[in-house]
Protein backbone atom coordinates (compact mmCIF):
# COMPACT_ATOMS: atom_id res chain seq x y z
CA MET A 1 -155.30 48.03 -29.44
CA ASN A 2 -153.88 45.03 -27.29
CA THR A 3 -152.36 46.34 -24.08
CA GLU A 4 -150.96 42.92 -22.82
CA LYS A 5 -147.28 43.82 -22.02
CA ILE A 6 -144.38 41.73 -22.27
CA THR A 7 -141.34 41.72 -20.45
CA VAL A 8 -137.99 40.37 -21.42
CA GLN A 9 -134.80 40.41 -19.99
CA THR A 10 -130.74 39.39 -19.40
CA THR A 11 -128.19 40.05 -17.40
CA VAL A 12 -125.11 41.36 -18.92
CA ASN A 13 -121.46 40.56 -17.73
CA ALA A 14 -120.25 44.49 -18.20
CA ASN A 15 -121.02 48.07 -16.82
CA THR A 16 -123.44 49.65 -17.13
CA LYS A 17 -121.45 52.48 -19.60
CA LYS A 18 -120.59 49.59 -22.26
CA VAL A 19 -123.80 48.15 -22.04
CA TRP A 20 -125.77 51.12 -22.65
CA ASP A 21 -123.23 52.34 -25.47
CA TYR A 22 -123.45 48.73 -27.37
CA TYR A 23 -127.61 49.18 -26.94
CA THR A 24 -127.69 52.57 -28.62
CA ASN A 25 -124.91 53.02 -30.79
CA PRO A 26 -125.80 52.27 -34.48
CA ALA A 27 -122.38 50.96 -35.17
CA HIS A 28 -122.83 48.21 -32.19
CA ILE A 29 -126.99 48.14 -33.13
CA ILE A 30 -126.27 46.34 -36.60
CA LYS A 31 -123.94 43.57 -34.98
CA TRP A 32 -126.63 41.87 -32.85
CA ASN A 33 -130.58 43.12 -33.64
CA PHE A 34 -131.86 40.12 -35.07
CA ALA A 35 -133.31 37.07 -33.74
CA ASP A 36 -132.38 34.57 -36.20
CA PRO A 37 -128.82 34.06 -37.74
CA SER A 38 -130.79 33.61 -41.00
CA TRP A 39 -131.52 37.36 -40.43
CA HIS A 40 -129.31 40.53 -40.13
CA CYS A 41 -129.87 44.24 -39.32
CA PRO A 42 -127.60 46.25 -42.48
CA ASN A 43 -128.48 49.60 -41.27
CA ALA A 44 -129.72 51.84 -38.06
CA GLU A 45 -129.91 55.04 -37.01
CA ASN A 46 -130.33 56.62 -33.32
CA ASP A 47 -131.49 60.07 -32.34
CA LEU A 48 -131.45 59.38 -28.67
CA ARG A 49 -133.62 62.12 -27.12
CA VAL A 50 -137.13 62.80 -26.37
CA GLY A 51 -139.09 63.34 -29.99
CA GLY A 52 -135.91 61.63 -31.57
CA LYS A 53 -136.57 58.54 -33.94
CA TYR A 54 -134.84 55.52 -33.88
CA ARG A 55 -134.61 53.42 -37.19
CA ALA A 56 -133.13 50.03 -37.98
CA ARG A 57 -133.31 47.70 -41.30
CA MET A 58 -133.90 44.26 -40.52
CA GLU A 59 -133.83 41.88 -43.13
CA ALA A 60 -133.31 37.84 -44.18
CA LYS A 61 -129.98 37.48 -45.73
CA ASP A 62 -131.44 35.61 -48.88
CA GLY A 63 -133.16 38.91 -49.31
CA SER A 64 -137.15 36.96 -49.01
CA PHE A 65 -138.13 39.53 -46.61
CA GLY A 66 -137.76 42.65 -44.77
CA PHE A 67 -138.73 45.83 -42.31
CA ASP A 68 -138.15 48.62 -40.90
CA PHE A 69 -138.46 49.05 -37.53
CA GLU A 70 -138.85 52.85 -36.31
CA THR A 71 -140.00 54.55 -32.98
CA ILE A 72 -140.08 58.12 -31.52
CA TYR A 73 -138.48 58.26 -27.97
CA CYS A 74 -140.88 59.60 -25.47
CA GLU A 75 -138.70 59.59 -22.04
CA PHE A 76 -134.87 59.27 -22.08
CA VAL A 77 -132.12 59.35 -19.08
CA SER A 78 -128.93 58.60 -20.33
CA GLY A 79 -127.32 55.52 -19.26
CA GLU A 80 -130.41 54.42 -16.93
CA LYS A 81 -133.53 54.13 -19.27
CA PHE A 82 -136.09 55.18 -21.99
CA THR A 83 -139.37 54.72 -23.49
CA TYR A 84 -140.47 54.87 -27.06
CA GLU A 85 -143.25 54.49 -28.95
CA MET A 86 -143.79 52.20 -32.12
CA LEU A 87 -145.56 53.72 -35.30
CA ASP A 88 -148.40 51.58 -34.57
CA GLY A 89 -148.95 53.43 -31.34
CA ARG A 90 -147.52 50.66 -29.05
CA LYS A 91 -145.07 51.46 -26.56
CA ALA A 92 -141.85 49.93 -24.99
CA SER A 93 -139.44 50.78 -22.41
CA VAL A 94 -136.01 49.42 -21.91
CA ILE A 95 -134.34 49.86 -18.21
CA PHE A 96 -130.59 49.28 -17.23
CA ASN A 97 -129.94 48.30 -13.63
CA GLU A 98 -126.00 47.99 -12.81
CA SER A 99 -124.81 45.74 -10.19
CA THR A 100 -121.20 45.06 -9.63
CA ASP A 101 -120.02 45.00 -13.12
CA LYS A 102 -123.11 43.36 -14.24
CA THR A 103 -125.76 45.01 -15.97
CA GLU A 104 -129.58 43.77 -16.09
CA VAL A 105 -131.45 45.07 -19.01
CA VAL A 106 -135.02 45.15 -18.58
CA VAL A 107 -137.73 45.60 -22.00
CA THR A 108 -141.17 45.91 -21.58
CA PHE A 109 -143.08 46.13 -24.52
CA ASP A 110 -147.04 46.11 -25.70
CA ALA A 111 -147.78 43.25 -27.54
CA GLU A 112 -149.19 43.22 -31.08
CA SER A 113 -152.24 41.12 -32.33
CA GLU A 114 -151.03 39.52 -35.62
CA ASN A 115 -148.64 37.03 -33.95
CA PRO A 116 -149.14 35.17 -30.60
CA VAL A 117 -147.54 36.32 -27.65
CA GLU A 118 -145.04 33.45 -26.59
CA MET A 119 -143.65 33.97 -30.79
CA GLN A 120 -143.24 37.55 -29.86
CA LYS A 121 -141.94 36.93 -26.57
CA GLY A 122 -139.49 34.72 -28.12
CA GLY A 123 -138.20 36.90 -30.89
CA TRP A 124 -137.66 40.15 -28.35
CA GLN A 125 -135.67 37.41 -25.99
CA ALA A 126 -133.65 36.28 -29.13
CA ILE A 127 -132.65 39.70 -29.87
CA LEU A 128 -131.77 40.37 -26.65
CA ASP A 129 -129.73 37.21 -26.15
CA ASN A 130 -127.89 38.38 -29.25
CA PHE A 131 -126.88 41.49 -27.69
CA LYS A 132 -125.72 39.98 -24.61
CA GLN A 133 -123.47 37.31 -26.44
CA TYR A 134 -122.20 40.48 -28.37
CA THR A 135 -121.49 42.80 -25.80
CA GLU A 136 -119.98 40.05 -23.52
CA SER A 137 -117.49 38.83 -26.59
CA ASN A 138 -116.50 42.07 -27.81
């Protein structure tokens, strides 16, 4: 398995309480969890606890392609960070760092071997950018 790690990050102009809620609440996840406007996330489930599962359906709006992104939480500190393992064994962590009504969100994940690293980084960064825009505008 490829163990190269990729990191994406953004700073959201909101406090950590709001950022955490918008990042982890399925009612919000479905509004921002896609890399391109031609895609959407019609449903999401999130059981935020060690051993709990996260599942998000990601689909092209035209119905031509879709997949389920599923993980199991390995570590969880409410409002601060969590780590999870994807079904293929890759791991990821998400850290929330607050500083004066701004929150830095740092996502680090194991690269997969099917797509170029820059493509993976671009896709995950685009999703994080959607998250920032959605959180700041709501």
